[in-house]
Amino acid sequence: MYAQTLPISNYNIKPTKPSSYIHCLNPNPPPIHVTKFHSVFKFRRGFCNSPRRVSDSPNNSRKHVGLAGIRMEGLQEKDDKKDNDDGFYIRRCVELAKKAIGCTSPNPMVGCVIVKDGEIVGEGFHPKAGQPHAEVFALREAGELAENATAYVSLEPCNHFGRTPPCSEALIKAKVKKVVVGMVDPNPIVASRGVAKLRDAGIDVTVGVEEEMCKKLNEAWIHQMQTGNPFVTLRYSLTIDGGLSDDLGEESTEAGGYYSRLLQEHDAVIISSRSLEKHPLPESKEPKSNQPLHIVIAKNPSPMIQIPKHTHEGSASKLIIFTDQETVIGSEQGIETLVLDQMKLTAILEKLKGRGLCSVLLDLRGGFGDFDEILKGVEGNLLQKLVVEVLPVWSERKEDTAALEAIKISQRAGLKNFEPKKEGKSVLLEGYF
């Protein structure tokens, strides 16, 4: 039941008898004449801006009344529309898909919702590469209720046999009557074939609902699928006066902090060997997070590079060192060392091909000299995203060539969708090249 309080000033209510007759205890209240009515409310997702509940049944009574029993005309229709709101259920699919952040690569994150008569009867998401897809989990939960239901999925159902059977076949077998797709799969193996298969089976298919949100969810996977190269994010910290900083903001490395989330979202992180002299290996603190592959850049390395041990229990991951000369690794754990003639990003990414990496975080924290050649040699569309943390401190450095090179990259490539937001005591700037 919903109750809405209306401002008295917008109504002129004149009872035909004394006010005592309209007391709630009067079993036969006289009619009320409304001589003026102006709605001053803008409703969004239900009433009073309250979150929508997808479990609301269309058969539930929706008698919305205002002051002294006045019915709010027009709101019945507005509330009824939520049961047919494709965008709402696709947004729920995206919410479900995000539960697997950092776990599905090289597969995309996908969520699925099965809706029947305005009720969600099944939900699911793809938890890990090699495991069943989102549609399978949702159909399992829905059971027989999937027949004549509507299936919402953030990404086009697959139509090929891989490590799992095609989801288009599963939807057809379940006898759903309609499928709503957030975005078409950019994979050439799929490329609208899943949609065509469903339509050929007589299923009504709608495509492109909340498409931008669905693309944002899997931006790294889409880029890798279309170009063959990993999605590269450049990250660094600046002081108020523009100096490159070796620090991170308070709580940014803890669970929920932006840096911890970045490490969770990326398959690999590139760091400087010199940063390891002052900092531990960067690790995500998000619950049950898979740790990224650590790629260490060691330009003109010292006679022995000491690799610190992992600090997060159960977080051990592989480590690769790119160097321009042979060096000794002071560590007992298995580490791969690759010697490059030129320390360029193109060469590094080429060596990483075939490792199933969809996304790489290029982190300039510490030992900025290791990145001089990389930053000067950035060519083409090697960088896709920029994340800059502006710390509330002043720089102790007079000049910083690495900072200038990083800024020049942004100036040369240009940025779009540039967005600042507050992150603890710092300001976080995000944009796309």
Protein backbone atom coordinates (compact mmCIF):
# COMPACT_ATOMS: atom_id res chain seq x y z
CA MET A 1 0.00 0.00 0.00
CA TYR A 2 1.27 3.45 -0.90
CA ALA A 3 0.27 6.67 0.84
CA GLN A 4 1.05 10.14 -0.47
CA THR A 5 0.68 13.38 1.47
CA LEU A 6 -0.42 16.37 -0.62
CA PRO A 7 0.14 20.03 0.20
CA ILE A 8 -3.02 21.64 1.59
CA SER A 9 -2.33 24.90 -0.21
CA ASN A 10 -3.07 23.35 -3.59
CA TYR A 11 -6.59 22.25 -2.74
CA ASN A 12 -9.80 24.00 -1.87
CA ILE A 13 -11.88 21.38 -0.11
CA LYS A 14 -15.41 22.40 0.88
CA PRO A 15 -17.47 19.80 2.71
CA THR A 16 -21.24 20.14 2.27
CA LYS A 17 -21.72 19.68 6.02
CA PRO A 18 -19.76 20.60 9.13
CA SER A 19 -16.28 19.16 9.39
CA SER A 20 -17.31 16.71 12.08
CA TYR A 21 -18.96 14.66 9.37
CA ILE A 22 -15.70 13.91 7.60
CA HIS A 23 -14.10 12.39 10.68
CA CYS A 24 -12.78 8.92 9.94
CA LEU A 25 -15.23 7.43 12.44
CA ASN A 26 -18.26 8.62 10.44
CA PRO A 27 -19.53 5.56 8.57
CA ASN A 28 -21.27 7.67 5.91
CA PRO A 29 -19.12 10.70 5.14
CA PRO A 30 -20.64 13.26 2.76
CA PRO A 31 -19.11 13.83 -0.69
CA ILE A 32 -16.14 16.15 -1.01
CA HIS A 33 -16.05 18.75 -3.77
CA VAL A 34 -12.62 19.57 -5.16
CA THR A 35 -12.57 22.91 -6.92
CA LYS A 36 -8.85 23.10 -7.62
CA PHE A 37 -6.26 20.45 -8.25
CA HIS A 38 -2.66 20.95 -9.34
CA SER A 39 -0.21 18.09 -8.95
CA VAL A 40 3.14 19.30 -7.70
CA PHE A 41 4.83 15.95 -7.68
CA LYS A 42 7.19 14.36 -10.16
CA PHE A 43 7.23 10.64 -9.67
CA ARG A 44 10.19 8.50 -10.60
CA ARG A 45 10.20 4.75 -10.25
CA GLY A 46 7.07 4.46 -8.14
CA PHE A 47 6.02 6.82 -5.38
CA CYS A 48 8.07 9.16 -3.25
CA ASN A 49 11.11 8.15 -5.34
CA SER A 50 11.23 4.84 -3.48
CA PRO A 51 13.11 1.96 -5.19
CA ARG A 52 11.00 -0.21 -7.40
CA ARG A 53 10.25 -3.73 -6.22
CA VAL A 54 10.21 -6.16 -9.10
CA SER A 55 8.21 -8.66 -7.05
CA ASP A 56 5.09 -6.44 -7.11
CA SER A 57 2.33 -8.38 -8.81
CA PRO A 58 0.08 -6.69 -11.37
CA ASN A 59 -2.82 -8.35 -9.57
CA ASN A 60 -2.07 -6.50 -6.37
CA SER A 61 -4.49 -3.78 -5.39
CA ARG A 62 -3.14 -0.34 -6.26
CA LYS A 63 -5.67 2.04 -4.71
CA HIS A 64 -3.60 5.18 -4.33
CA VAL A 65 -5.42 7.87 -2.41
CA GLY A 66 -4.57 11.37 -1.37
CA LEU A 67 -5.95 13.71 1.28
CA ALA A 68 -9.39 12.73 2.62
CA GLY A 69 -9.73 9.87 0.13
CA ILE A 70 -9.00 11.83 -3.09
CA ARG A 71 -7.82 9.42 -5.81
CA MET A 72 -4.60 10.36 -7.61
CA GLU A 73 -5.70 10.02 -11.23
CA GLY A 74 -2.94 9.10 -13.69
CA LEU A 75 -0.74 7.42 -11.09
CA GLN A 76 -2.41 4.03 -11.56
CA GLU A 77 -1.24 4.04 -15.18
CA LYS A 78 2.26 5.21 -14.20
CA ASP A 79 2.65 2.36 -11.70
CA ASP A 80 1.26 -0.26 -14.08
CA LYS A 81 3.95 0.58 -16.65
CA LYS A 82 6.71 -0.75 -14.43
CA ASP A 83 5.66 -4.31 -15.15
CA ASN A 84 6.38 -3.65 -18.83
CA ASP A 85 9.54 -1.61 -18.33
CA ASP A 86 12.18 -3.44 -20.38
CA GLY A 87 14.85 -0.98 -19.27
CA PHE A 88 14.23 -1.73 -15.61
CA TYR A 89 14.83 -5.46 -16.04
CA ILE A 90 17.90 -4.96 -18.25
CA ARG A 91 19.34 -2.73 -15.53
CA ARG A 92 18.72 -5.59 -13.13
CA CYS A 93 20.64 -7.86 -15.54
CA VAL A 94 23.60 -5.48 -15.41
CA GLU A 95 23.43 -5.40 -11.62
CA LEU A 96 23.56 -9.20 -11.53
CA ALA A 97 26.40 -9.35 -14.05
CA LYS A 98 28.57 -7.07 -11.90
CA LYS A 99 28.66 -9.72 -9.20
CA ALA A 100 31.31 -11.44 -11.34
CA ILE A 101 33.62 -8.43 -11.83
CA GLY A 102 37.17 -9.67 -12.29
CA CYS A 103 36.14 -13.33 -12.60
CA THR A 104 34.86 -13.93 -16.14
CA SER A 105 37.79 -12.88 -18.38
CA PRO A 106 38.31 -13.69 -21.20
CA ASN A 107 34.51 -14.03 -21.24
CA PRO A 108 32.13 -11.08 -20.81
CA MET A 109 29.99 -10.38 -17.75
CA VAL A 110 26.34 -11.22 -18.43
CA GLY A 111 23.16 -11.16 -16.38
CA CYS A 112 19.75 -12.66 -17.14
CA VAL A 113 16.27 -12.21 -15.64
CA ILE A 114 13.14 -14.25 -16.42
CA VAL A 115 9.86 -12.35 -15.89
CA LYS A 116 6.33 -13.75 -16.00
CA ASP A 117 3.14 -11.83 -15.21
CA GLY A 118 5.19 -8.99 -13.76
CA GLU A 119 7.11 -11.27 -11.39
CA ILE A 120 10.78 -12.24 -11.56
CA VAL A 121 10.74 -16.04 -11.59
CA GLY A 122 14.42 -16.65 -12.35
CA GLU A 123 17.75 -14.80 -12.20
CA GLY A 124 21.32 -15.68 -13.04
CA PHE A 125 24.75 -14.38 -14.07
CA HIS A 126 27.86 -15.84 -15.66
CA PRO A 127 30.22 -16.48 -12.72
CA LYS A 128 33.39 -17.67 -14.43
CA ALA A 129 34.83 -18.69 -17.79
CA GLY A 130 33.98 -22.33 -18.46
CA GLN A 131 30.92 -22.33 -16.22
CA PRO A 132 27.29 -22.10 -17.45
CA HIS A 133 26.10 -18.78 -18.87
CA ALA A 134 23.65 -16.42 -17.22
CA GLU A 135 20.65 -17.71 -19.19
CA VAL A 136 21.21 -21.26 -17.96
CA PHE A 137 21.19 -20.26 -14.28
CA ALA A 138 18.10 -18.07 -14.76
CA LEU A 139 16.19 -20.80 -16.62
CA ARG A 140 17.12 -23.36 -13.96
CA GLU A 141 15.66 -21.14 -11.27
CA ALA A 142 12.53 -20.39 -13.29
CA GLY A 143 11.83 -24.04 -14.12
CA GLU A 144 8.45 -24.58 -15.77
CA LEU A 145 7.54 -20.93 -15.16
CA ALA A 146 9.89 -19.98 -18.02
CA GLU A 147 7.28 -21.11 -20.55
CA ASN A 148 5.59 -18.07 -22.13
CA ALA A 149 7.75 -15.78 -19.99
CA THR A 150 10.02 -12.92 -21.08
CA ALA A 151 13.77 -13.39 -20.82
CA TYR A 152 15.91 -10.30 -20.31
CA VAL A 153 19.65 -10.61 -20.98
CA SER A 154 22.33 -7.92 -21.04
CA LEU A 155 24.21 -9.51 -23.96
CA GLU A 156 22.90 -11.40 -26.99
CA PRO A 157 22.52 -15.12 -26.22
CA CYS A 158 25.29 -17.19 -27.77
CA ASN A 159 24.46 -19.43 -30.70
CA HIS A 160 27.56 -21.62 -30.90
CA PHE A 161 29.04 -24.56 -29.05
CA GLY A 162 32.04 -23.54 -26.97
CA ARG A 163 32.83 -24.76 -23.50
CA THR A 164 29.06 -24.60 -22.91
CA PRO A 165 26.04 -25.30 -25.18
CA PRO A 166 24.38 -22.36 -26.99
CA CYS A 167 22.03 -20.29 -24.83
CA SER A 168 19.71 -19.57 -27.78
CA GLU A 169 18.86 -23.27 -27.84
CA ALA A 170 18.20 -23.27 -24.09
CA LEU A 171 15.76 -20.36 -24.41
CA ILE A 172 13.93 -22.01 -27.29
CA LYS A 173 13.71 -25.30 -25.39
CA ALA A 174 12.30 -23.46 -22.36
CA LYS A 175 9.54 -22.02 -24.64
CA VAL A 176 9.95 -18.40 -23.63
CA LYS A 177 7.71 -16.11 -25.67
CA LYS A 178 9.93 -13.03 -25.76
CA VAL A 179 13.61 -12.14 -25.34
CA VAL A 180 14.85 -8.61 -24.63
CA VAL A 181 18.56 -8.07 -25.38
CA GLY A 182 20.66 -5.22 -24.05
CA MET A 183 23.28 -5.30 -26.82
CA VAL A 184 24.29 -7.45 -29.79
CA ASP A 185 27.38 -9.59 -29.28
CA PRO A 186 30.41 -8.09 -31.12
CA ASN A 187 31.96 -11.54 -31.37
CA PRO A 188 31.99 -12.47 -35.09
CA ILE A 189 31.05 -16.03 -34.12
CA VAL A 190 27.78 -14.69 -32.72
CA ALA A 191 27.12 -11.38 -34.55
CA SER A 192 23.29 -11.36 -34.36
CA ARG A 193 23.02 -15.05 -35.12
CA GLY A 194 21.62 -15.67 -31.66
CA VAL A 195 18.88 -13.10 -32.30
CA ALA A 196 18.15 -14.61 -35.72
CA LYS A 197 17.93 -18.10 -34.25
CA LEU A 198 15.38 -16.95 -31.65
CA ARG A 199 13.26 -15.14 -34.23
CA ASP A 200 13.31 -18.13 -36.56
CA ALA A 201 11.87 -20.14 -33.67
CA GLY A 202 8.95 -17.70 -33.43
CA ILE A 203 10.21 -15.84 -30.37
CA ASP A 204 9.66 -12.07 -30.24
CA VAL A 205 13.06 -10.36 -29.82
CA THR A 206 13.79 -6.75 -28.84
CA VAL A 207 17.40 -5.51 -29.17
CA GLY A 208 19.24 -2.44 -27.88
CA VAL A 209 17.58 -1.75 -24.52
CA GLU A 210 19.94 0.19 -22.18
CA GLU A 211 22.59 -0.48 -24.81
CA GLU A 212 25.15 2.07 -23.60
CA MET A 213 24.99 0.71 -20.05
CA CYS A 214 25.55 -2.82 -21.34
CA LYS A 215 28.49 -1.69 -23.47
CA LYS A 216 30.03 0.10 -20.48
CA LEU A 217 29.76 -3.10 -18.46
CA ASN A 218 32.01 -4.99 -20.89
CA GLU A 219 34.03 -2.16 -22.48
CA ALA A 220 37.34 -4.02 -22.09
CA TRP A 221 36.01 -7.27 -23.53
CA ILE A 222 34.39 -5.45 -26.46
CA HIS A 223 37.64 -3.61 -27.26
CA GLN A 224 39.67 -6.80 -27.16
CA MET A 225 37.08 -8.59 -29.31
CA GLN A 226 37.11 -5.85 -31.96
CA THR A 227 40.84 -5.03 -32.05
CA GLY A 228 42.66 -8.09 -30.70
CA ASN A 229 44.46 -5.84 -28.18
CA PRO A 230 43.76 -5.47 -24.47
CA PHE A 231 41.95 -2.41 -23.14
CA VAL A 232 44.67 -0.27 -21.49
CA THR A 233 43.96 2.14 -18.63
CA LEU A 234 46.63 4.70 -17.72
CA ARG A 235 46.61 5.66 -14.03
CA TYR A 236 48.68 8.13 -12.03
CA SER A 237 48.42 10.48 -9.08
CA LEU A 238 48.99 14.25 -9.19
CA THR A 239 49.47 16.83 -6.49
CA ILE A 240 47.45 20.05 -6.45
CA ASP A 241 50.23 21.89 -8.30
CA GLY A 242 50.52 19.23 -11.02
CA GLY A 243 53.43 17.13 -9.80
CA LEU A 244 53.43 13.37 -10.31
CA SER A 245 53.00 11.70 -6.93
CA ASP A 246 54.05 8.32 -5.61
CA ASP A 247 51.16 8.26 -3.15
CA LEU A 248 47.59 7.05 -3.18
CA GLY A 249 44.68 8.60 -1.34
CA GLU A 250 43.48 7.39 2.01
CA GLU A 251 41.40 4.21 1.84
CA SER A 252 41.84 3.94 -1.96
CA THR A 253 43.66 0.61 -1.56
CA GLU A 254 41.11 -0.80 0.89
CA ALA A 255 37.99 -2.74 -0.08
CA GLY A 256 35.63 -0.38 -1.90
CA GLY A 257 38.40 2.11 -2.72
CA TYR A 258 38.88 3.06 -6.36
CA TYR A 259 42.39 1.55 -6.61
CA SER A 260 41.26 -1.76 -5.13
CA ARG A 261 38.38 -1.80 -7.62
CA LEU A 262 40.70 -1.02 -10.56
CA LEU A 263 42.89 -3.99 -9.66
CA GLN A 264 39.80 -6.18 -9.48
CA GLU A 265 38.53 -4.97 -12.87
CA HIS A 266 41.79 -5.43 -14.79
CA ASP A 267 43.41 -8.70 -15.82
CA ALA A 268 46.93 -7.33 -15.40
CA VAL A 269 48.74 -4.37 -13.83
CA ILE A 270 52.03 -2.90 -15.11
CA ILE A 271 54.23 -1.40 -12.39
CA SER A 272 57.81 -0.22 -11.95
CA SER A 273 60.47 -2.38 -10.30
CA ARG A 274 61.52 0.68 -8.31
CA SER A 275 58.08 1.01 -6.78
CA LEU A 276 58.57 -2.42 -5.23
CA GLU A 277 61.39 -0.99 -3.14
CA LYS A 278 58.82 1.08 -1.24
CA HIS A 279 55.48 -0.62 -1.82
CA PRO A 280 54.15 -4.19 -1.77
CA LEU A 281 52.73 -5.81 -4.87
CA PRO A 282 49.42 -4.09 -5.61
CA GLU A 283 46.51 -6.35 -4.70
CA SER A 284 42.76 -5.90 -4.77
CA LYS A 285 41.05 -6.10 -1.39
CA GLU A 286 37.61 -6.70 -2.84
CA PRO A 287 35.95 -9.82 -1.37
CA LYS A 288 36.83 -13.04 -3.25
CA SER A 289 38.64 -11.00 -5.90
CA ASN A 290 40.95 -12.64 -8.41
CA GLN A 291 44.30 -10.86 -8.36
CA PRO A 292 45.70 -9.37 -11.59
CA LEU A 293 48.77 -10.62 -13.36
CA HIS A 294 51.70 -8.49 -12.14
CA ILE A 295 53.92 -7.11 -14.92
CA VAL A 296 57.07 -5.41 -13.65
CA ILE A 297 59.05 -2.98 -15.82
CA ALA A 298 62.77 -3.01 -14.93
CA LYS A 299 64.73 -0.55 -17.05
CA ASN A 300 68.48 -0.55 -16.25
CA PRO A 301 67.76 -2.84 -13.30
CA SER A 302 69.92 -3.10 -10.22
CA PRO A 303 72.06 -6.27 -9.92
CA MET A 304 69.23 -7.95 -8.03
CA ILE A 305 65.53 -7.21 -8.03
CA GLN A 306 63.74 -8.08 -4.83
CA ILE A 307 60.13 -9.10 -5.36
CA PRO A 308 58.05 -8.69 -2.19
CA LYS A 309 55.74 -11.50 -1.18
CA HIS A 310 51.99 -11.26 -1.53
CA THR A 311 50.37 -9.75 1.53
CA HIS A 312 46.77 -10.75 0.83
CA GLU A 313 46.10 -14.35 1.86
CA GLY A 314 45.26 -16.59 -1.06
CA SER A 315 46.06 -13.86 -3.59
CA ALA A 316 49.18 -15.24 -5.23
CA SER A 317 49.24 -14.53 -8.94
CA LYS A 318 51.75 -14.91 -11.75
CA LEU A 319 54.46 -12.31 -12.28
CA ILE A 320 56.33 -11.30 -15.43
CA ILE A 321 59.36 -9.01 -15.52
CA PHE A 322 60.14 -7.02 -18.68
CA THR A 323 63.71 -5.74 -18.65
CA ASP A 324 66.27 -4.40 -21.11
CA GLN A 325 69.10 -6.60 -19.75
CA GLU A 326 69.57 -9.83 -17.86
CA THR A 327 69.11 -9.56 -14.11
CA VAL A 328 68.87 -11.71 -11.02
CA ILE A 329 65.51 -12.09 -9.30
CA GLY A 330 65.68 -12.29 -5.52
CA SER A 331 62.63 -14.41 -4.90
CA GLU A 332 61.74 -18.04 -4.43
CA GLN A 333 58.47 -17.87 -6.34
CA GLY A 334 58.32 -18.75 -10.03
CA ILE A 335 58.75 -15.60 -12.13
CA GLU A 336 58.98 -15.21 -15.90
CA THR A 337 61.62 -12.79 -17.24
CA LEU A 338 61.51 -11.35 -20.75
CA VAL A 339 64.28 -9.17 -22.20
CA LEU A 340 63.25 -6.46 -24.69
CA ASP A 341 65.47 -4.42 -26.99
CA GLN A 342 63.14 -1.45 -26.62
CA MET A 343 60.88 -0.83 -23.64
CA LYS A 344 57.86 0.21 -25.65
CA LEU A 345 54.21 -0.46 -24.91
CA THR A 346 53.69 -1.98 -28.37
CA ALA A 347 56.40 -4.58 -27.68
CA ILE A 348 55.03 -5.36 -24.23
CA LEU A 349 51.47 -5.82 -25.48
CA GLU A 350 52.70 -8.00 -28.34
CA LYS A 351 54.47 -10.30 -25.86
CA LEU A 352 51.29 -10.52 -23.80
CA LYS A 353 49.14 -11.70 -26.71
CA GLY A 354 47.81 -15.18 -26.29
CA ARG A 355 47.54 -14.89 -22.51
CA GLY A 356 43.82 -14.14 -22.54
CA LEU A 357 44.15 -10.58 -21.24
CA CYS A 358 41.21 -8.29 -21.96
CA SER A 359 42.37 -5.37 -19.81
CA VAL A 360 45.66 -3.95 -18.52
CA LEU A 361 46.23 -1.22 -15.92
CA LEU A 362 49.36 0.85 -16.62
CA ASP A 363 50.14 2.28 -13.18
CA LEU A 364 52.80 4.99 -13.02
CA ARG A 365 53.17 4.77 -9.25
CA GLY A 366 56.81 4.89 -8.19
CA GLY A 367 60.01 4.64 -10.23
CA PHE A 368 58.77 6.97 -12.94
CA GLY A 369 62.00 6.67 -14.90
CA ASP A 370 61.04 3.15 -15.93
CA PHE A 371 58.14 4.59 -17.90
CA ASP A 372 59.91 7.39 -19.80
CA GLU A 373 60.43 5.30 -22.93
CA ILE A 374 56.97 3.75 -22.69
CA LEU A 375 55.19 7.10 -22.42
CA LYS A 376 57.22 8.74 -25.19
CA GLY A 377 56.61 5.80 -27.49
CA VAL A 378 52.85 5.50 -27.08
CA GLU A 379 51.41 5.25 -30.58
CA GLY A 380 48.00 4.91 -32.15
CA ASN A 381 45.13 3.79 -29.98
CA LEU A 382 47.17 1.86 -27.42
CA LEU A 383 45.56 3.71 -24.50
CA GLN A 384 41.81 3.67 -24.04
CA LYS A 385 41.13 5.15 -20.61
CA LEU A 386 42.71 7.63 -18.19
CA VAL A 387 42.32 7.66 -14.40
CA VAL A 388 43.99 10.49 -12.48
CA GLU A 389 43.84 10.95 -8.73
CA VAL A 390 44.45 14.54 -7.59
CA LEU A 391 45.75 14.48 -4.03
CA PRO A 392 45.20 17.37 -1.57
CA VAL A 393 48.96 17.94 -1.14
CA TRP A 394 51.71 20.05 -2.69
CA SER A 395 54.53 18.56 -4.75
CA GLU A 396 58.09 18.35 -3.45
CA ARG A 397 59.46 17.92 -6.96
CA LYS A 398 60.69 20.95 -8.90
CA GLU A 399 60.43 19.31 -12.31
CA ASP A 400 58.90 16.04 -13.36
CA THR A 401 59.48 14.90 -16.93
CA ALA A 402 57.35 11.77 -16.50
CA ALA A 403 54.38 13.89 -15.41
CA LEU A 404 54.87 16.14 -18.44
CA GLU A 405 54.94 13.15 -20.78
CA ALA A 406 51.78 11.72 -19.21
CA ILE A 407 50.01 15.07 -19.62
CA LYS A 408 51.24 15.39 -23.22
CA ILE A 409 49.66 12.04 -24.04
CA SER A 410 46.30 13.36 -22.87
CA GLN A 411 46.76 16.55 -24.89
CA ARG A 412 47.75 14.69 -28.07
CA ALA A 413 45.00 12.10 -27.95
CA GLY A 414 42.27 14.28 -26.50
CA LEU A 415 39.76 13.06 -23.95
CA LYS A 416 36.04 12.44 -24.10
CA ASN A 417 33.44 11.72 -21.44
CA PHE A 418 35.77 13.36 -18.92
CA GLU A 419 34.21 13.11 -15.47
CA PRO A 420 35.47 14.32 -12.06
CA LYS A 421 34.21 12.82 -8.81
CA LYS A 422 35.14 12.90 -5.16
CA GLU A 423 37.07 9.93 -3.80
CA GLY A 424 37.73 10.31 -0.09
CA LYS A 425 39.81 13.49 0.30
CA SER A 426 41.01 13.31 -3.30
CA VAL A 427 39.42 14.17 -6.64
CA LEU A 428 39.27 11.37 -9.19
CA LEU A 429 39.32 12.28 -12.89
CA GLU A 430 38.24 9.70 -15.44
CA GLY A 431 38.06 9.99 -19.20
CA TYR A 432 38.51 8.09 -22.45
CA PHE A 433 41.09 8.66 -25.17
